[in-house]
Amino acid sequence: MLARERADLEPTDNLTSDRIYERRWALTLLEQVLTRLEGEYRSAGNAKLFDCLQEFLSDEPGRRSQADVATELGMTENAVKQAFHRLRQRYGQLLRDEIAQTVAVPGDVEDEVRHFISVLQT
C-alpha cells in the first residue's frame, strides 16, 4: 500500500497527533507483514496463488469470488478456501511476530494485539 493510499484510509476528523502516529504505525506494520508473507509465497513458487488470495484479505467491493479464482488457478473452490485459510493463519502469525518485536515483555503481546486492532478500527 502506498503512502498516498494510506492517507486516503485515514479519517479526516480531528485525531490527535498520537492517534495519527499510531494509525500510521499500524498501517506500516500491516504492510511489512504482507510483504513478508508475499516473500514466503514467492520463494515457495506460489506467487500466482498469493496474488489471487491476497485480494480476499480486504473487504473491498468488486473483488472476484473464490469460485472465479479456483477456475483461474485450476483448483477446486474448496482448495481455494483451504489455501486462503492457511494464508490468513500465516498472516496472523506473522503479525503477532512483528508485534512481539515491539514489546519489552512477551506476555504483553496479546494486549498490544488488542491495541493494534483498536487503532485500526478508529
C-alpha atoms as a PDB file:
ATOM      1  CA  MET A   1       0.000   0.000   0.000  1.00  0.00           C
ATOM      2  CA  LEU A   2       1.430   3.340  -0.988  1.00  0.00           C
ATOM      3  CA  ALA A   3       1.652   6.294   1.379  1.00  0.00           C
ATOM      4  CA  ARG A   4      -0.955   8.033  -0.776  1.00  0.00           C
ATOM      5  CA  GLU A   5      -3.361   5.128  -0.264  1.00  0.00           C
ATOM      6  CA  ARG A   6      -2.707   5.090   3.484  1.00  0.00           C
ATOM      7  CA  ALA A   7      -3.566   8.776   3.656  1.00  0.00           C
ATOM      8  CA  ASP A   8      -6.874   8.018   1.925  1.00  0.00           C
ATOM      9  CA  LEU A   9      -7.693   5.484   4.649  1.00  0.00           C
ATOM     10  CA  GLU A  10      -7.110   7.919   7.469  1.00  0.00           C
ATOM     11  CA  PRO A  11     -10.208   9.645   8.773  1.00  0.00           C
ATOM     12  CA  THR A  12     -10.371  13.359   8.284  1.00  0.00           C
ATOM     13  CA  ASP A  13     -11.838  14.120  11.702  1.00  0.00           C
ATOM     14  CA  ASN A  14      -9.786  15.687  14.479  1.00  0.00           C
ATOM     15  CA  LEU A  15      -7.437  12.908  15.522  1.00  0.00           C
ATOM     16  CA  THR A  16      -4.692  13.724  17.977  1.00  0.00           C
ATOM     17  CA  SER A  17      -1.136  13.548  16.740  1.00  0.00           C
ATOM     18  CA  ASP A  18      -0.653  10.435  18.908  1.00  0.00           C
ATOM     19  CA  ARG A  19      -3.592   8.668  17.226  1.00  0.00           C
ATOM     20  CA  ILE A  20      -2.341   9.640  13.779  1.00  0.00           C
ATOM     21  CA  TYR A  21       1.099   8.268  14.665  1.00  0.00           C
ATOM     22  CA  GLU A  22      -0.397   5.018  15.998  1.00  0.00           C
ATOM     23  CA  ARG A  23      -2.568   4.615  12.916  1.00  0.00           C
ATOM     24  CA  ARG A  24       0.379   5.105  10.584  1.00  0.00           C
ATOM     25  CA  TRP A  25       2.408   2.656  12.680  1.00  0.00           C
ATOM     26  CA  ALA A  26      -0.373   0.063  12.414  1.00  0.00           C
ATOM     27  CA  LEU A  27      -0.728   0.504   8.646  1.00  0.00           C
ATOM     28  CA  THR A  28       3.047   0.282   8.202  1.00  0.00           C
ATOM     29  CA  LEU A  29       3.091  -2.892  10.283  1.00  0.00           C
ATOM     30  CA  LEU A  30       0.365  -4.419   8.114  1.00  0.00           C
ATOM     31  CA  GLU A  31       2.351  -3.526   5.019  1.00  0.00           C
ATOM     32  CA  GLN A  32       5.503  -5.167   6.439  1.00  0.00           C
ATOM     33  CA  VAL A  33       3.609  -8.325   7.318  1.00  0.00           C
ATOM     34  CA  LEU A  34       2.045  -8.532   3.866  1.00  0.00           C
ATOM     35  CA  THR A  35       5.482  -8.069   2.267  1.00  0.00           C
ATOM     36  CA  ARG A  36       6.932 -10.889   4.386  1.00  0.00           C
ATOM     37  CA  LEU A  37       4.006 -13.146   3.532  1.00  0.00           C
ATOM     38  CA  GLU A  38       4.359 -12.371  -0.163  1.00  0.00           C
ATOM     39  CA  GLY A  39       8.064 -13.190   0.016  1.00  0.00           C
ATOM     40  CA  GLU A  40       7.313 -16.565   1.570  1.00  0.00           C
ATOM     41  CA  TYR A  41       4.806 -17.433  -1.142  1.00  0.00           C
ATOM     42  CA  ARG A  42       7.078 -16.257  -3.948  1.00  0.00           C
ATOM     43  CA  SER A  43      10.092 -18.165  -2.641  1.00  0.00           C
ATOM     44  CA  ALA A  44       7.922 -21.302  -2.468  1.00  0.00           C
ATOM     45  CA  GLY A  45       6.892 -20.803  -6.112  1.00  0.00           C
ATOM     46  CA  ASN A  46       3.351 -19.738  -5.236  1.00  0.00           C
ATOM     47  CA  ALA A  47       3.388 -16.160  -6.475  1.00  0.00           C
ATOM     48  CA  LYS A  48       0.221 -16.501  -8.556  1.00  0.00           C
ATOM     49  CA  LEU A  49      -1.636 -18.139  -5.669  1.00  0.00           C
ATOM     50  CA  PHE A  50      -0.598 -15.295  -3.376  1.00  0.00           C
ATOM     51  CA  ASP A  51      -1.609 -12.661  -5.921  1.00  0.00           C
ATOM     52  CA  CYS A  52      -5.061 -14.203  -6.196  1.00  0.00           C
ATOM     53  CA  LEU A  53      -5.609 -14.868  -2.491  1.00  0.00           C
ATOM     54  CA  GLN A  54      -4.414 -11.534  -1.150  1.00  0.00           C
ATOM     55  CA  GLU A  55      -7.445  -9.774  -2.555  1.00  0.00           C
ATOM     56  CA  PHE A  56      -9.593 -11.743  -0.072  1.00  0.00           C
ATOM     57  CA  LEU A  57      -7.767 -10.105   2.847  1.00  0.00           C
ATOM     58  CA  SER A  58      -9.710  -6.898   2.308  1.00  0.00           C
ATOM     59  CA  ASP A  59     -13.415  -6.187   2.207  1.00  0.00           C
ATOM     60  CA  GLU A  60     -13.190  -4.127  -0.951  1.00  0.00           C
ATOM     61  CA  PRO A  61     -16.254  -4.333  -3.174  1.00  0.00           C
ATOM     62  CA  GLY A  62     -15.940  -5.791  -6.624  1.00  0.00           C
ATOM     63  CA  ARG A  63     -13.389  -8.447  -5.828  1.00  0.00           C
ATOM     64  CA  ARG A  64     -13.628 -11.803  -7.535  1.00  0.00           C
ATOM     65  CA  SER A  65     -15.285 -14.778  -5.924  1.00  0.00           C
ATOM     66  CA  GLN A  66     -13.353 -17.769  -4.660  1.00  0.00           C
ATOM     67  CA  ALA A  67     -15.033 -19.782  -7.421  1.00  0.00           C
ATOM     68  CA  ASP A  68     -13.579 -17.410 -10.046  1.00  0.00           C
ATOM     69  CA  VAL A  69     -10.113 -17.730  -8.501  1.00  0.00           C
ATOM     70  CA  ALA A  70     -10.471 -21.518  -8.405  1.00  0.00           C
ATOM     71  CA  THR A  71     -11.260 -21.568 -12.115  1.00  0.00           C
ATOM     72  CA  GLU A  72      -8.303 -19.290 -12.901  1.00  0.00           C
ATOM     73  CA  LEU A  73      -5.891 -21.417 -10.882  1.00  0.00           C
ATOM     74  CA  GLY A  74      -7.293 -24.792 -11.960  1.00  0.00           C
ATOM     75  CA  MET A  75      -8.244 -25.649  -8.377  1.00  0.00           C
ATOM     76  CA  THR A  76     -11.469 -26.616  -6.691  1.00  0.00           C
ATOM     77  CA  GLU A  77     -13.298 -23.920  -4.782  1.00  0.00           C
ATOM     78  CA  ASN A  78     -12.745 -25.913  -1.591  1.00  0.00           C
ATOM     79  CA  ALA A  79      -8.985 -25.997  -2.254  1.00  0.00           C
ATOM     80  CA  VAL A  80      -9.002 -22.198  -2.679  1.00  0.00           C
ATOM     81  CA  LYS A  81     -10.908 -21.820   0.597  1.00  0.00           C
ATOM     82  CA  GLN A  82      -8.349 -24.014   2.364  1.00  0.00           C
ATOM     83  CA  ALA A  83      -5.447 -22.129   0.779  1.00  0.00           C
ATOM     84  CA  PHE A  84      -6.943 -18.820   1.882  1.00  0.00           C
ATOM     85  CA  HIS A  85      -7.472 -20.169   5.398  1.00  0.00           C
ATOM     86  CA  ARG A  86      -3.778 -21.128   5.545  1.00  0.00           C
ATOM     87  CA  LEU A  87      -2.753 -17.719   4.160  1.00  0.00           C
ATOM     88  CA  ARG A  88      -4.883 -15.938   6.752  1.00  0.00           C
ATOM     89  CA  GLN A  89      -3.447 -18.053   9.569  1.00  0.00           C
ATOM     90  CA  ARG A  90       0.119 -17.346   8.452  1.00  0.00           C
ATOM     91  CA  TYR A  91      -0.726 -13.644   8.119  1.00  0.00           C
ATOM     92  CA  GLY A  92      -1.901 -13.668  11.730  1.00  0.00           C
ATOM     93  CA  GLN A  93       1.241 -15.487  12.880  1.00  0.00           C
ATOM     94  CA  LEU A  94       3.490 -13.003  11.105  1.00  0.00           C
ATOM     95  CA  LEU A  95       1.515 -10.096  12.547  1.00  0.00           C
ATOM     96  CA  ARG A  96       1.963 -11.464  16.058  1.00  0.00           C
ATOM     97  CA  ASP A  97       5.687 -11.979  15.371  1.00  0.00           C
ATOM     98  CA  GLU A  98       6.047  -8.360  14.262  1.00  0.00           C
ATOM     99  CA  ILE A  99       4.111  -7.077  17.263  1.00  0.00           C
ATOM    100  CA  ALA A 100       6.170  -9.280  19.604  1.00  0.00           C
ATOM    101  CA  GLN A 101       9.262  -7.402  18.421  1.00  0.00           C
ATOM    102  CA  THR A 102       7.756  -4.132  19.668  1.00  0.00           C
ATOM    103  CA  VAL A 103       7.061  -5.153  23.274  1.00  0.00           C
ATOM    104  CA  ALA A 104       9.532  -5.479  26.137  1.00  0.00           C
ATOM    105  CA  VAL A 105       7.773  -8.390  27.854  1.00  0.00           C
ATOM    106  CA  PRO A 106       6.496 -11.390  25.809  1.00  0.00           C
ATOM    107  CA  GLY A 107       3.354 -11.502  27.960  1.00  0.00           C
ATOM    108  CA  ASP A 108       2.355  -8.092  26.602  1.00  0.00           C
ATOM    109  CA  VAL A 109       1.848  -9.351  23.028  1.00  0.00           C
ATOM    110  CA  GLU A 110      -1.886 -10.041  23.373  1.00  0.00           C
ATOM    111  CA  ASP A 111      -2.510  -6.621  24.923  1.00  0.00           C
ATOM    112  CA  GLU A 112      -0.566  -4.999  22.102  1.00  0.00           C
ATOM    113  CA  VAL A 113      -2.530  -7.001  19.503  1.00  0.00           C
ATOM    114  CA  ARG A 114      -5.794  -5.736  21.029  1.00  0.00           C
ATOM    115  CA  HIS A 115      -4.440  -2.193  20.994  1.00  0.00           C
ATOM    116  CA  PHE A 116      -3.316  -2.646  17.382  1.00  0.00           C
ATOM    117  CA  ILE A 117      -6.828  -3.746  16.371  1.00  0.00           C
ATOM    118  CA  SER A 118      -8.431  -0.837  18.240  1.00  0.00           C
ATOM    119  CA  VAL A 119      -6.141   1.616  16.432  1.00  0.00           C
ATOM    120  CA  LEU A 120      -7.250   0.250  13.063  1.00  0.00           C
ATOM    121  CA  GLN A 121     -10.923   0.380  13.999  1.00  0.00           C
ATOM    122  CA  THR A 122     -10.937   4.088  14.827  1.00  0.00           C
END
